[in-house]
N, C-alpha and C. Protein backbone atom coordinates (compact mmCIF):
# COMPACT_ATOMS: atom_id res chain seq x y z
N MET A 1 122.11 -123.37 -105.42
CA MET A 1 120.05 -123.45 -105.24
C MET A 1 119.76 -122.63 -104.62
N GLU A 2 119.97 -122.95 -103.22
CA GLU A 2 119.24 -122.15 -101.84
C GLU A 2 119.37 -120.82 -101.98
N THR A 3 120.54 -120.35 -102.70
CA THR A 3 120.97 -118.85 -103.13
C THR A 3 120.20 -117.90 -102.99
N ALA A 4 119.90 -118.42 -104.69
CA ALA A 4 119.59 -117.84 -105.64
C ALA A 4 117.92 -118.03 -105.98
N LEU A 5 117.33 -119.04 -104.68
CA LEU A 5 116.03 -119.16 -104.21
C LEU A 5 115.81 -118.36 -103.01
N ALA A 6 116.91 -117.81 -102.58
CA ALA A 6 116.80 -116.72 -101.05
C ALA A 6 116.38 -115.18 -101.52
N LEU A 7 117.48 -114.99 -103.13
CA LEU A 7 117.61 -113.73 -102.71
C LEU A 7 116.60 -113.40 -103.89
N SER A 8 116.01 -114.88 -105.17
CA SER A 8 115.02 -114.34 -105.66
C SER A 8 113.47 -113.95 -104.99
N ALA A 9 113.63 -114.53 -103.51
CA ALA A 9 112.48 -114.36 -102.98
C ALA A 9 111.94 -113.26 -102.27
N LEU A 10 113.57 -112.55 -101.77
CA LEU A 10 113.63 -111.03 -101.30
C LEU A 10 113.22 -110.14 -102.18
N ILE A 11 114.02 -110.69 -103.33
CA ILE A 11 113.68 -109.56 -104.16
C ILE A 11 112.33 -109.71 -105.04
N SER A 12 111.77 -110.53 -104.82
CA SER A 12 110.13 -110.64 -105.60
C SER A 12 109.20 -110.09 -104.21
N THR A 13 109.83 -110.12 -102.89
CA THR A 13 109.70 -109.37 -101.63
C THR A 13 108.67 -107.95 -101.41
N LEU A 14 110.58 -107.15 -101.81
CA LEU A 14 110.48 -106.07 -101.55
C LEU A 14 110.35 -104.98 -103.31
N LEU A 15 109.57 -105.75 -104.04
CA LEU A 15 109.55 -105.70 -105.57
C LEU A 15 107.84 -105.49 -105.32
N SER A 16 107.40 -106.30 -104.58
CA SER A 16 106.03 -106.37 -104.34
C SER A 16 105.86 -104.97 -103.43
N ALA A 17 106.49 -105.38 -101.93
CA ALA A 17 106.32 -103.54 -101.76
C ALA A 17 106.42 -102.28 -102.09
N LEU A 18 107.35 -102.48 -102.75
CA LEU A 18 107.49 -101.18 -104.14
C LEU A 18 105.94 -100.97 -104.74
N ALA A 19 105.96 -101.48 -105.48
CA ALA A 19 104.78 -101.63 -105.85
C ALA A 19 103.22 -101.44 -105.28
N LEU A 20 102.92 -102.27 -104.39
CA LEU A 20 101.94 -101.30 -103.66
C LEU A 20 101.85 -100.33 -103.29
N TYR A 21 102.88 -100.64 -102.55
CA TYR A 21 103.72 -98.51 -102.64
C TYR A 21 103.40 -97.61 -103.00
N ALA A 22 103.90 -97.54 -104.41
CA ALA A 22 103.67 -96.91 -105.70
C ALA A 22 102.73 -96.84 -105.81
N GLY A 23 100.97 -97.91 -105.76
CA GLY A 23 99.62 -97.33 -105.86
C GLY A 23 99.10 -97.28 -104.38
N SER A 24 99.20 -96.99 -103.53
CA SER A 24 99.04 -96.38 -103.03
C SER A 24 98.52 -94.76 -102.86
N ARG A 25 97.51 -94.69 -102.04
CA ARG A 25 97.14 -93.06 -101.47
C ARG A 25 98.35 -92.19 -101.09
N ASN A 26 99.27 -93.23 -100.26
CA ASN A 26 99.85 -92.74 -99.13
C ASN A 26 101.04 -91.99 -99.92
N CYS A 27 101.10 -92.51 -101.91
CA CYS A 27 103.02 -92.58 -101.90
C CYS A 27 103.16 -90.92 -101.84
N ARG A 28 104.65 -90.74 -101.03
CA ARG A 28 104.52 -89.26 -101.53
C ARG A 28 106.18 -89.36 -103.02
N TRP A 29 105.98 -89.83 -103.40
CA TRP A 29 107.22 -89.57 -104.60
C TRP A 29 106.37 -88.65 -106.09
N THR A 30 107.56 -88.08 -106.15
CA THR A 30 106.61 -86.86 -106.87
C THR A 30 106.30 -86.98 -108.63
N PRO A 31 106.65 -88.17 -109.22
CA PRO A 31 106.51 -88.62 -110.09
C PRO A 31 105.39 -90.02 -110.04
N LYS A 32 103.83 -89.72 -109.81
CA LYS A 32 103.15 -90.86 -109.35
C LYS A 32 102.96 -91.42 -110.00
N PRO A 33 102.64 -92.79 -110.53
CA PRO A 33 102.23 -93.80 -111.67
C PRO A 33 101.28 -93.44 -111.99
N LYS A 34 100.68 -93.22 -113.13
CA LYS A 34 99.49 -92.56 -113.91
C LYS A 34 98.35 -93.88 -113.84
N HIS A 35 99.27 -95.72 -113.12
CA HIS A 35 97.86 -96.40 -113.06
C HIS A 35 98.16 -97.06 -111.42
N PRO A 36 97.43 -97.16 -111.10
CA PRO A 36 97.75 -97.25 -109.28
C PRO A 36 97.42 -98.25 -109.48
N HIS A 37 96.37 -98.10 -109.67
CA HIS A 37 95.74 -99.63 -109.69
C HIS A 37 96.35 -101.33 -110.72
N ARG A 38 96.42 -100.72 -111.28
CA ARG A 38 98.15 -101.86 -112.43
C ARG A 38 99.19 -102.32 -111.09
N SER A 39 99.59 -101.08 -110.84
CA SER A 39 100.42 -101.32 -109.45
C SER A 39 100.43 -102.19 -108.30
N THR A 40 99.15 -101.82 -107.92
CA THR A 40 98.41 -102.67 -106.87
C THR A 40 98.34 -103.99 -106.97
N ARG A 41 97.97 -104.58 -108.24
CA ARG A 41 97.07 -105.81 -109.24
C ARG A 41 99.08 -106.24 -108.90
N ILE A 42 100.10 -106.07 -109.29
CA ILE A 42 101.25 -106.08 -109.99
C ILE A 42 101.71 -106.11 -108.36
N GLY A 43 101.74 -105.14 -107.49
CA GLY A 43 102.37 -105.77 -106.00
C GLY A 43 100.95 -106.52 -105.19
N LEU A 44 100.24 -107.36 -105.37
CA LEU A 44 100.23 -108.57 -104.81
C LEU A 44 100.25 -109.78 -106.17
N ALA A 45 101.08 -109.60 -107.14
CA ALA A 45 101.33 -111.16 -107.85
C ALA A 45 102.41 -111.22 -107.08
N LEU A 46 103.43 -109.95 -107.71
CA LEU A 46 104.45 -110.36 -106.74
C LEU A 46 104.04 -111.35 -105.26
N ALA A 47 104.24 -110.21 -104.33
CA ALA A 47 103.84 -110.83 -102.94
C ALA A 47 103.43 -112.52 -103.01
N VAL A 48 102.33 -113.42 -103.95
CA VAL A 48 101.90 -114.36 -104.24
C VAL A 48 103.68 -115.08 -104.54
N VAL A 49 104.29 -114.31 -105.28
CA VAL A 49 105.08 -115.03 -106.26
C VAL A 49 106.39 -115.48 -104.78
N GLY A 50 106.70 -114.47 -104.15
CA GLY A 50 107.91 -114.30 -103.12
C GLY A 50 107.47 -115.26 -101.61
N LEU A 51 105.56 -115.22 -101.35
CA LEU A 51 105.74 -116.30 -100.46
C LEU A 51 105.53 -117.67 -100.80
N VAL A 52 105.23 -118.07 -102.30
CA VAL A 52 105.47 -118.76 -102.51
C VAL A 52 106.79 -119.44 -102.68
N LEU A 53 107.54 -118.58 -102.79
CA LEU A 53 109.26 -119.39 -103.00
C LEU A 53 110.32 -119.01 -101.45
N TRP A 54 109.37 -117.90 -100.61
CA TRP A 54 109.76 -118.05 -98.97
C TRP A 54 109.37 -119.73 -98.55
N MET A 55 108.23 -120.30 -98.99
CA MET A 55 107.44 -120.85 -98.50
C MET A 55 108.25 -122.50 -99.01
N ARG A 56 108.84 -122.26 -100.51
CA ARG A 56 109.16 -123.30 -101.14
C ARG A 56 110.86 -123.51 -100.28
N LEU A 57 111.50 -122.68 -99.90
CA LEU A 57 112.96 -122.81 -98.96
C LEU A 57 112.88 -122.84 -97.66
N LEU A 58 111.43 -122.22 -96.70
CA LEU A 58 111.57 -122.68 -94.73
C LEU A 58 111.04 -123.25 -94.87
N GLY A 59 109.82 -123.61 -95.55
CA GLY A 59 108.71 -124.41 -95.24
C GLY A 59 107.36 -123.36 -95.35
N GLY A 60 106.44 -123.65 -94.98
CA GLY A 60 105.08 -123.28 -94.96
C GLY A 60 105.33 -122.07 -93.87
N GLY A 61 105.25 -122.12 -92.09
CA GLY A 61 105.06 -121.64 -90.92
C GLY A 61 106.53 -120.52 -91.01
N ALA A 62 107.52 -120.55 -91.32
CA ALA A 62 109.01 -120.16 -90.85
C ALA A 62 109.04 -119.25 -93.00
N GLY A 63 108.38 -119.48 -94.09
CA GLY A 63 108.42 -118.67 -94.80
C GLY A 63 107.47 -117.88 -94.68
N LEU A 64 106.10 -118.56 -94.43
CA LEU A 64 105.44 -116.73 -93.57
C LEU A 64 105.67 -115.89 -93.26
N CYS A 65 106.34 -116.20 -92.73
CA CYS A 65 107.11 -115.20 -91.06
C CYS A 65 108.50 -114.92 -92.21
N ALA A 66 108.70 -115.22 -92.79
CA ALA A 66 110.28 -114.54 -93.29
C ALA A 66 109.42 -113.15 -94.55
N MET A 67 107.97 -113.79 -95.92
CA MET A 67 107.67 -112.71 -96.88
C MET A 67 107.92 -111.97 -95.31
N LEU A 68 106.50 -112.21 -94.71
CA LEU A 68 106.13 -110.77 -93.99
C LEU A 68 106.82 -110.00 -92.80
N GLY A 69 107.91 -110.41 -92.72
CA GLY A 69 109.36 -109.79 -91.96
C GLY A 69 109.56 -108.30 -93.07
N THR A 70 109.88 -109.61 -94.36
CA THR A 70 110.68 -108.36 -95.45
C THR A 70 109.95 -107.72 -95.81
N TRP A 71 108.59 -108.36 -96.08
CA TRP A 71 107.90 -107.60 -96.19
C TRP A 71 107.53 -106.12 -96.09
N MET A 72 107.74 -106.64 -94.96
CA MET A 72 107.04 -105.48 -93.95
C MET A 72 108.44 -103.97 -93.65
N LEU A 73 109.33 -104.67 -93.44
CA LEU A 73 110.79 -104.11 -93.23
C LEU A 73 110.37 -102.87 -94.70
N GLY A 74 110.10 -103.60 -95.22
CA GLY A 74 110.73 -103.01 -97.20
C GLY A 74 109.47 -101.70 -97.27
N MET A 75 108.30 -102.29 -96.37
CA MET A 75 107.43 -101.21 -96.47
C MET A 75 107.89 -99.79 -95.98
N MET A 76 108.22 -100.25 -94.06
CA MET A 76 108.69 -99.10 -93.81
C MET A 76 109.57 -98.21 -93.85
N ALA A 77 111.11 -99.27 -95.19
CA ALA A 77 111.80 -98.19 -95.37
C ALA A 77 111.09 -97.48 -97.05
N LEU A 78 110.03 -97.77 -97.84
CA LEU A 78 109.99 -96.97 -98.96
C LEU A 78 109.11 -95.28 -98.88
N PRO A 79 109.35 -94.94 -97.67
CA PRO A 79 108.30 -93.62 -97.57
C PRO A 79 110.00 -92.89 -97.10
N TYR A 80 110.91 -93.25 -96.97
CA TYR A 80 111.94 -92.33 -96.78
C TYR A 80 112.94 -92.56 -97.77
N LEU A 81 112.52 -93.12 -98.70
CA LEU A 81 114.04 -93.28 -99.76
C LEU A 81 113.66 -91.89 -100.36
N PRO A 82 113.08 -90.97 -100.30
CA PRO A 82 113.09 -89.73 -101.11
C PRO A 82 113.92 -89.14 -100.26
N LEU A 83 114.08 -89.32 -99.16
CA LEU A 83 115.25 -88.00 -98.04
C LEU A 83 116.13 -88.47 -98.92
N ARG A 84 116.55 -89.35 -98.83
CA ARG A 84 118.46 -89.79 -99.74
C ARG A 84 118.54 -89.43 -100.39
N SER A 85 117.79 -89.21 -101.37
CA SER A 85 117.57 -88.13 -103.02
C SER A 85 117.97 -86.94 -102.78
N PRO A 86 118.61 -86.12 -103.81
CA PRO A 86 118.75 -84.94 -103.04
C PRO A 86 118.32 -83.86 -103.31
N ALA A 87 117.97 -83.28 -103.47
CA ALA A 87 116.84 -81.91 -103.21
C ALA A 87 116.87 -81.43 -104.55
N ARG A 88 115.46 -80.95 -104.95
CA ARG A 88 115.84 -80.36 -106.05
C ARG A 88 114.91 -79.38 -105.94
N ASP A 89 115.42 -78.22 -106.87
CA ASP A 89 115.90 -76.73 -106.36
C ASP A 89 113.92 -76.28 -107.37
N LYS A 90 113.37 -75.91 -107.39
CA LYS A 90 111.32 -75.42 -107.54
C LYS A 90 111.98 -74.41 -108.63
N GLU A 91 111.35 -74.72 -109.58
CA GLU A 91 111.21 -73.62 -110.33
C GLU A 91 110.78 -72.68 -110.10
N SER A 92 111.14 -70.74 -110.75
CA SER A 92 110.20 -70.85 -110.68
C SER A 92 109.32 -69.78 -111.49
N ARG A 93 108.16 -69.40 -112.14
CA ARG A 93 107.71 -68.84 -113.02
C ARG A 93 107.79 -67.67 -113.45
């Protein structure tokens, strides 16, 4: 039970970071989201869900620290994900 709770907290926190990054002006991904405000709202909702799950698993203070640590690690890694994808050739017109 605790493993499933920890895994769901981790996934919801990382998805929150992904949605918040996709909705920000700093997003460097080529197909940008059509509705960045919607991505931001989804990211905030997932952040609350992740915080509640972490707090339920670890308690108040440790849950907040775990959520913020996971969130910030995810936010730091997201801008570098396009570097891992294969380079596309630019089409000449």
